[in-house]
Amino acid sequence: MRAPETTAPAAADRASRLLLPRVSRTFALGIKMLPAKLESPVRIGYLLCRIADTVEDDLALSAERKAELLDAFLSCFDDPARADTFGARVAEFTANDDYLALVAHTGTVFVAFRALDEPTRAILRRWVTEMVRGMREFVLAHPHGIRIASVEEFRRYCYFVAGTVGHLLTELWHVHSAFVGNGTYTRLLTDCEAFGEALQTVNILKDIAWDAEHENAIYVPADLLAAAGSAHDTILRPDLRAANRAALEPLMRLAQDDVERALRYIEALPAGAMRVRLFCVLPVLFAVATMRELEQSDAMLVSGGGVKISRAEVRALVIAGSTSTLTNRTLRWLVDRVRKRPFTFPA
C-alpha cells in the first residue's frame, strides 16, 4: 500500500492538502482561516504529528515495535530515502483507510516539509521530535496499553501530545505573523501549553469509553479512581458509575482551568492577527461547548457511549466565531453564552 513516489514539492503540497480532511475534518476547516504563509507550515506540522500518533495508537504493534517505528520516523528528518520508504511499513498497521493512506504518504509529507523555509523546518522538527520522544516514553512504560497512574503523569502525557503543539503553533505565529512581535510572543508562551492541553483534556474526558474499548487506553488517573472506590478495570461498570463520575471531577476542574488559560492565550493575540485568532478560537469554542455537555452527563462512562456537541452547534459556532473574535469583549460574550446552553440558530 505504499504511496507512489512524489518528488515535486508542488505535487507533494497538493497531496498533503487532500490528505488533511481525510484525517481531521475539523482541523481542515480551521486551517482555511489562516493566512497563506501560515497555512502550509501548520498543515504539514499537523500531518507529521498525526503520522506519529497513528504509530502510537495502533493496537497490532508491540510497544517495542512502536518505539522502533517512532525512531524510524524521526530519522526521516535527516534522510529523505528513509522518508520515502517509511510508507512501506503501513502493511503492519490496522488503522482505518484514511490513516493508512497518511502513513503510506509519509515520504510525500516530508517532501512538502523540505520545501518549507529553514526557520519553519526547525520549528516543526524541534516540537515534533519532542512529541515523538514523549510518545516513545509512554508506549514503553505501558506496553499493554496506556494506563495513567496519577494526575502528574496525566499532565506529562498531555504536555507531550498537546502542549508541544501549543509551542509549535506559537513559534510559527512569531516567525510568520508581523502582528506577533517579541512582546506578544512572550505573553503567548505563558499559556501556550495550556492552549494545546485544554483541547486534549476535553477530548480525553468525552472519549473515555471509546478509548477504553477501541484504543485499549485509559487516561483517567488510577489514583483518582481509587480514591472514589473504583479502578481502571471497572471504569465502565454500571454499578460504579457514580463513583467513576466523581473521580472525574479533578480532571473537569483541570480542563476548565486550561480552557480559561486558552482563552487568555487568544486574548493576547492582537486584532491585526485576526485570522490566527479565528484559527485558535474555533477549537476552544468547541471545547467550551463540550465541557458544558460533560458537566451534565455520564455518557462517556457508558459502554459504547460518548459526549459530543451537535452538528448544528458546530456550524453555528463556526459562523459566530468568525465575527465574535473581533474583540476580546465579544469573544467573552460568546463563550459565556455557550457555557449556558447549546448555541444554535433558529431553524
Protein backbone atom coordinates (compact mmCIF):
# COMPACT_ATOMS: atom_id res chain seq x y z
CA MET A 1 0.00 0.00 0.00
CA ARG A 2 2.99 2.25 -0.42
CA ALA A 3 2.30 5.62 -2.00
CA PRO A 4 3.73 6.31 -5.43
CA GLU A 5 6.90 8.36 -5.45
CA THR A 6 6.16 12.07 -5.35
CA THR A 7 9.24 14.24 -5.62
CA ALA A 8 7.94 17.57 -6.89
CA PRO A 9 7.27 19.93 -3.97
CA ALA A 10 4.18 21.38 -5.66
CA ALA A 11 2.71 17.91 -6.16
CA ALA A 12 3.55 16.97 -2.56
CA ASP A 13 1.86 20.11 -1.29
CA ARG A 14 -1.29 19.32 -3.28
CA ALA A 15 -1.28 15.75 -1.99
CA SER A 16 -0.97 16.93 1.62
CA ARG A 17 -3.97 19.22 1.10
CA LEU A 18 -6.01 16.20 0.03
CA LEU A 19 -4.81 14.10 2.97
CA LEU A 20 -5.71 16.63 5.66
CA PRO A 21 -9.53 16.44 5.57
CA ARG A 22 -9.32 12.65 5.50
CA VAL A 23 -7.70 12.57 8.95
CA SER A 24 -9.35 15.64 10.52
CA ARG A 25 -12.34 17.45 9.09
CA THR A 26 -12.40 19.90 11.99
CA PHE A 27 -8.74 20.85 11.61
CA ALA A 28 -9.12 21.11 7.85
CA LEU A 29 -11.97 23.56 8.45
CA GLY A 30 -9.97 25.73 10.82
CA ILE A 31 -6.78 25.82 8.81
CA LYS A 32 -8.58 27.57 5.96
CA MET A 33 -8.83 30.58 8.26
CA LEU A 34 -5.05 31.08 8.38
CA PRO A 35 -3.05 33.46 6.16
CA ALA A 36 -1.45 31.71 3.19
CA LYS A 37 2.09 31.83 4.59
CA LEU A 38 0.95 30.04 7.75
CA GLU A 39 -1.40 27.51 6.17
CA SER A 40 1.28 25.22 4.73
CA PRO A 41 3.51 25.09 7.85
CA VAL A 42 0.55 24.35 10.12
CA ARG A 43 -0.86 21.75 7.73
CA ILE A 44 2.46 19.94 7.35
CA GLY A 45 3.10 20.13 11.09
CA TYR A 46 -0.30 18.61 11.79
CA LEU A 47 0.22 15.74 9.35
CA LEU A 48 3.63 14.94 10.83
CA CYS A 49 2.10 14.79 14.31
CA ARG A 50 -0.76 12.65 13.05
CA ILE A 51 1.61 10.10 11.47
CA ALA A 52 3.36 9.71 14.83
CA ASP A 53 0.01 9.48 16.60
CA THR A 54 -1.06 6.69 14.25
CA VAL A 55 2.01 4.71 15.27
CA GLU A 56 1.32 5.30 18.97
CA ASP A 57 -2.33 4.22 18.74
CA ASP A 58 -2.07 1.08 16.61
CA LEU A 59 -3.19 -1.95 18.61
CA ALA A 60 -1.45 -4.51 16.37
CA LEU A 61 2.03 -3.23 17.17
CA SER A 62 4.04 -4.25 20.22
CA ALA A 63 5.48 -1.49 22.40
CA GLU A 64 8.97 -2.35 21.20
CA ARG A 65 7.90 -2.16 17.55
CA LYS A 66 6.17 1.17 18.15
CA ALA A 67 9.38 2.53 19.66
CA GLU A 68 11.34 1.30 16.63
CA LEU A 69 8.88 2.92 14.23
CA LEU A 70 8.89 6.20 16.13
CA ASP A 71 12.70 6.22 15.95
CA ALA A 72 12.50 5.46 12.22
CA PHE A 73 10.00 8.27 11.78
CA LEU A 74 12.35 10.79 13.42
CA SER A 75 15.19 9.61 11.18
CA CYS A 76 13.11 10.81 8.20
CA PHE A 77 14.01 14.40 9.11
CA ASP A 78 17.65 13.69 8.18
CA ASP A 79 17.29 11.08 5.44
CA PRO A 80 14.89 11.61 2.51
CA ALA A 81 15.35 7.98 1.46
CA ARG A 82 14.06 6.77 4.83
CA ALA A 83 11.08 9.09 4.50
CA ASP A 84 10.33 7.56 1.10
CA THR A 85 10.45 4.01 2.47
CA PHE A 86 8.65 4.65 5.77
CA GLY A 87 5.31 4.39 3.99
CA ALA A 88 6.01 0.75 3.10
CA ARG A 89 5.68 -0.07 6.80
CA VAL A 90 1.96 0.65 6.51
CA ALA A 91 1.41 -3.09 5.97
CA GLU A 92 1.95 -3.54 9.72
CA PHE A 93 -0.83 -1.14 10.71
CA THR A 94 -4.51 -1.77 11.46
CA ALA A 95 -5.78 1.84 11.37
CA ASN A 96 -8.67 2.89 9.13
CA ASP A 97 -8.08 3.54 5.44
CA ASP A 98 -7.61 7.29 5.86
CA TYR A 99 -4.85 6.94 8.44
CA LEU A 100 -3.26 4.14 6.43
CA ALA A 101 -3.20 6.48 3.42
CA LEU A 102 -1.48 9.13 5.51
CA VAL A 103 1.23 6.74 6.72
CA ALA A 104 1.66 5.44 3.17
CA HIS A 105 2.31 9.02 2.05
CA THR A 106 4.92 9.80 4.73
CA GLY A 107 7.51 10.41 2.02
CA THR A 108 5.16 12.86 0.31
CA VAL A 109 4.59 14.78 3.55
CA PHE A 110 8.34 15.04 4.08
CA VAL A 111 8.81 16.34 0.52
CA ALA A 112 6.37 19.12 1.41
CA PHE A 113 8.22 19.64 4.71
CA ARG A 114 11.58 20.07 2.95
CA ALA A 115 10.05 22.73 0.68
CA LEU A 116 9.40 24.96 3.71
CA ASP A 117 11.92 27.65 4.69
CA GLU A 118 14.68 26.70 7.14
CA PRO A 119 13.31 28.53 10.24
CA THR A 120 9.94 26.84 9.75
CA ARG A 121 11.53 23.42 9.31
CA ALA A 122 13.50 23.95 12.52
CA ILE A 123 10.33 24.76 14.47
CA LEU A 124 8.45 21.73 13.17
CA ARG A 125 11.39 19.42 13.72
CA ARG A 126 12.00 20.62 17.29
CA TRP A 127 8.44 20.18 18.52
CA VAL A 128 7.53 17.06 16.54
CA THR A 129 10.69 15.47 17.94
CA GLU A 130 9.71 16.46 21.48
CA MET A 131 6.26 14.96 20.93
CA VAL A 132 7.56 11.71 19.45
CA ARG A 133 10.13 11.19 22.20
CA GLY A 134 7.35 11.59 24.74
CA MET A 135 5.15 9.13 22.88
CA ARG A 136 8.03 6.66 22.82
CA GLU A 137 8.46 7.02 26.57
CA PHE A 138 4.78 6.29 27.21
CA VAL A 139 4.40 3.30 24.88
CA LEU A 140 7.41 1.62 26.50
CA ALA A 141 6.18 2.46 30.01
CA HIS A 142 2.75 0.98 29.20
CA PRO A 143 3.42 -2.00 26.89
CA HIS A 144 -0.06 -3.47 27.34
CA GLY A 145 -2.00 -0.26 26.76
CA ILE A 146 -1.72 3.13 28.41
CA ARG A 147 -2.98 3.22 31.99
CA ILE A 148 -2.29 6.58 33.61
CA ALA A 149 -1.40 6.27 37.29
CA SER A 150 -1.54 9.83 38.60
CA VAL A 151 -2.57 13.38 37.78
CA GLU A 152 1.13 14.20 37.44
CA GLU A 153 1.53 11.50 34.81
CA PHE A 154 -1.67 12.70 33.11
CA ARG A 155 -0.24 16.22 32.82
CA ARG A 156 3.04 14.87 31.49
CA TYR A 157 1.23 12.86 28.83
CA CYS A 158 -0.89 15.86 27.80
CA TYR A 159 2.25 18.00 27.56
CA PHE A 160 3.91 15.61 25.13
CA VAL A 161 0.92 15.05 22.84
CA ALA A 162 -0.67 18.52 23.02
CA GLY A 163 1.39 21.07 24.95
CA THR A 164 4.10 20.62 22.35
CA VAL A 165 1.58 21.62 19.68
CA GLY A 166 0.89 24.84 21.59
CA HIS A 167 4.60 25.65 21.42
CA LEU A 168 4.86 24.70 17.75
CA LEU A 169 2.00 26.99 16.77
CA THR A 170 3.18 29.86 18.92
CA GLU A 171 6.62 29.81 17.34
CA LEU A 172 5.06 29.75 13.89
CA TRP A 173 2.93 32.80 14.75
CA HIS A 174 6.08 34.62 15.91
CA VAL A 175 8.05 33.81 12.75
CA HIS A 176 5.30 34.30 10.16
CA SER A 177 2.94 36.97 11.54
CA ALA A 178 4.00 40.59 11.52
CA PHE A 179 1.49 41.18 14.33
CA VAL A 180 3.10 38.74 16.77
CA GLY A 181 6.18 40.60 17.91
CA ASN A 182 8.50 39.77 20.77
CA GLY A 183 6.24 41.19 23.47
CA THR A 184 3.18 39.30 22.26
CA TYR A 185 5.24 36.14 21.80
CA THR A 186 6.43 36.33 25.42
CA ARG A 187 2.85 36.68 26.66
CA LEU A 188 1.69 33.77 24.49
CA LEU A 189 4.40 31.50 25.90
CA THR A 190 2.78 31.82 29.34
CA ASP A 191 -0.34 29.96 28.20
CA CYS A 192 0.63 28.15 25.00
CA GLU A 193 0.92 24.74 26.66
CA ALA A 194 -2.49 25.15 28.29
CA PHE A 195 -3.91 26.14 24.89
CA GLY A 196 -2.93 22.75 23.47
CA GLU A 197 -3.57 20.73 26.61
CA ALA A 198 -7.09 22.10 27.12
CA LEU A 199 -8.24 20.53 23.87
CA GLN A 200 -6.53 17.24 24.72
CA THR A 201 -8.04 17.04 28.22
CA VAL A 202 -11.55 17.73 26.92
CA ASN A 203 -11.12 15.06 24.23
CA ILE A 204 -9.94 12.56 26.84
CA LEU A 205 -12.96 13.27 29.04
CA LYS A 206 -15.51 12.92 26.25
CA ASP A 207 -13.95 9.75 24.81
CA ILE A 208 -13.34 7.67 27.96
CA ALA A 209 -15.47 4.73 26.82
CA TRP A 210 -14.17 4.85 23.23
CA ASP A 211 -10.54 4.94 24.34
CA ALA A 212 -11.04 2.03 26.74
CA GLU A 213 -12.95 -0.16 24.29
CA HIS A 214 -11.29 0.72 20.97
CA GLU A 215 -7.82 2.05 21.81
CA ASN A 216 -7.02 -0.04 24.92
CA ALA A 217 -6.13 3.21 26.70
CA ILE A 218 -7.42 4.66 29.96
CA TYR A 219 -6.19 8.14 30.73
CA VAL A 220 -8.21 8.76 33.91
CA PRO A 221 -5.57 8.50 36.66
CA ALA A 222 -5.74 5.35 38.77
CA ASP A 223 -5.25 7.34 41.98
CA LEU A 224 -8.40 9.40 41.30
CA LEU A 225 -10.40 6.26 40.60
CA ALA A 226 -9.05 4.52 43.72
CA ALA A 227 -9.98 7.48 45.91
CA ALA A 228 -13.55 7.19 44.60
CA GLY A 229 -13.69 3.41 45.12
CA SER A 230 -13.05 2.27 41.55
CA ALA A 231 -10.20 1.29 39.25
CA HIS A 232 -9.16 1.15 35.61
CA ASP A 233 -10.75 -2.24 35.07
CA THR A 234 -14.09 -1.05 36.50
CA ILE A 235 -14.26 2.34 34.83
CA LEU A 236 -17.27 1.37 32.68
CA ARG A 237 -19.13 -0.74 35.24
CA PRO A 238 -22.73 0.48 35.55
CA ASP A 239 -22.89 -0.15 39.32
CA LEU A 240 -19.82 2.08 39.85
CA ARG A 241 -20.87 4.87 37.51
CA ALA A 242 -21.44 7.38 40.32
CA ALA A 243 -18.01 6.66 41.78
CA ASN A 244 -16.35 6.89 38.37
CA ARG A 245 -18.13 10.17 37.65
CA ALA A 246 -16.91 11.56 40.98
CA ALA A 247 -13.35 10.55 40.07
CA LEU A 248 -13.54 12.80 37.01
CA GLU A 249 -14.14 15.99 38.98
CA PRO A 250 -10.44 16.91 39.40
CA LEU A 251 -9.93 16.42 35.66
CA MET A 252 -13.01 18.52 34.94
CA ARG A 253 -11.55 21.35 37.03
CA LEU A 254 -8.20 20.90 35.31
CA ALA A 255 -9.88 21.11 31.91
CA GLN A 256 -11.82 24.25 32.89
CA ASP A 257 -8.63 25.91 34.10
CA ASP A 258 -6.83 25.02 30.87
CA VAL A 259 -9.76 26.32 28.81
CA GLU A 260 -9.62 29.60 30.70
CA ARG A 261 -5.91 29.88 30.02
CA ALA A 262 -6.54 29.01 26.36
CA LEU A 263 -8.96 31.94 26.18
CA ARG A 264 -6.31 34.15 27.75
CA TYR A 265 -3.91 32.94 25.06
CA ILE A 266 -6.34 34.02 22.35
CA GLU A 267 -6.93 37.37 24.03
CA ALA A 268 -3.18 38.01 23.90
CA LEU A 269 -3.25 37.78 20.10
CA PRO A 270 -3.60 41.29 18.66
CA ALA A 271 -6.54 42.28 16.48
CA GLY A 272 -4.20 42.52 13.50
CA ALA A 273 -3.66 38.77 13.72
CA MET A 274 -7.37 38.21 13.23
CA ARG A 275 -7.04 35.11 11.06
CA VAL A 276 -4.73 33.50 13.59
CA ARG A 277 -7.21 34.38 16.35
CA LEU A 278 -10.01 32.77 14.36
CA PHE A 279 -7.99 29.60 13.81
CA CYS A 280 -7.34 29.39 17.56
CA VAL A 281 -10.82 30.28 18.75
CA LEU A 282 -12.83 27.63 16.92
CA PRO A 283 -11.44 24.56 18.70
CA VAL A 284 -11.65 26.37 22.03
CA LEU A 285 -15.32 27.21 21.41
CA PHE A 286 -15.93 23.54 20.61
CA ALA A 287 -14.15 22.63 23.87
CA VAL A 288 -16.29 25.08 25.86
CA ALA A 289 -19.46 23.58 24.39
CA THR A 290 -18.24 20.04 25.04
CA MET A 291 -17.39 20.88 28.66
CA ARG A 292 -20.93 22.16 29.09
CA GLU A 293 -22.25 18.78 28.00
CA LEU A 294 -19.71 16.83 30.06
CA GLU A 295 -20.72 18.62 33.23
CA GLN A 296 -24.29 17.38 32.78
CA SER A 297 -23.59 13.84 31.57
CA ASP A 298 -22.09 10.48 32.40
CA ALA A 299 -22.48 9.10 28.85
CA MET A 300 -18.68 8.98 28.48
CA LEU A 301 -18.69 6.27 31.19
CA VAL A 302 -21.24 4.07 29.40
CA SER A 303 -20.05 1.22 27.19
CA GLY A 304 -20.36 2.39 23.59
CA GLY A 305 -21.17 5.91 24.74
CA GLY A 306 -19.57 9.31 24.46
CA VAL A 307 -20.28 13.02 24.60
CA LYS A 308 -20.39 15.31 21.59
CA ILE A 309 -21.97 18.56 20.52
CA SER A 310 -24.44 18.63 17.66
CA ARG A 311 -23.50 19.39 14.08
CA ALA A 312 -25.94 22.30 14.22
CA GLU A 313 -23.99 23.82 17.10
CA VAL A 314 -20.69 23.23 15.33
CA ARG A 315 -22.00 25.11 12.27
CA ALA A 316 -23.37 27.93 14.41
CA LEU A 317 -20.11 28.30 16.32
CA VAL A 318 -18.11 28.47 13.10
CA ILE A 319 -20.30 31.34 11.91
CA ALA A 320 -20.48 33.14 15.26
CA GLY A 321 -16.78 32.62 15.93
CA SER A 322 -15.95 34.31 12.64
CA THR A 323 -17.44 37.58 13.90
CA SER A 324 -17.05 37.30 17.66
CA THR A 325 -13.25 37.16 17.58
CA LEU A 326 -13.06 40.80 16.54
CA THR A 327 -12.68 41.93 20.15
CA ASN A 328 -11.97 40.22 23.46
CA ARG A 329 -15.26 41.55 24.77
CA THR A 330 -17.36 39.88 22.07
CA LEU A 331 -15.31 36.70 22.40
CA ARG A 332 -16.08 36.55 26.12
CA TRP A 333 -19.76 37.21 25.43
CA LEU A 334 -19.92 34.24 23.07
CA VAL A 335 -18.04 31.96 25.48
CA ASP A 336 -20.36 32.88 28.37
CA ARG A 337 -23.37 32.23 26.16
CA VAL A 338 -22.07 28.82 25.01
CA ARG A 339 -21.41 27.79 28.61
CA LYS A 340 -25.08 28.25 29.47
CA ARG A 341 -26.84 26.29 26.71
CA PRO A 342 -26.34 24.97 23.18
CA PHE A 343 -25.63 27.72 20.69
CA THR A 344 -27.66 27.20 17.52
CA PHE A 345 -29.51 29.38 15.08
CA PRO A 346 -33.31 29.17 14.72
CA ALA A 347 -34.43 26.62 12.14
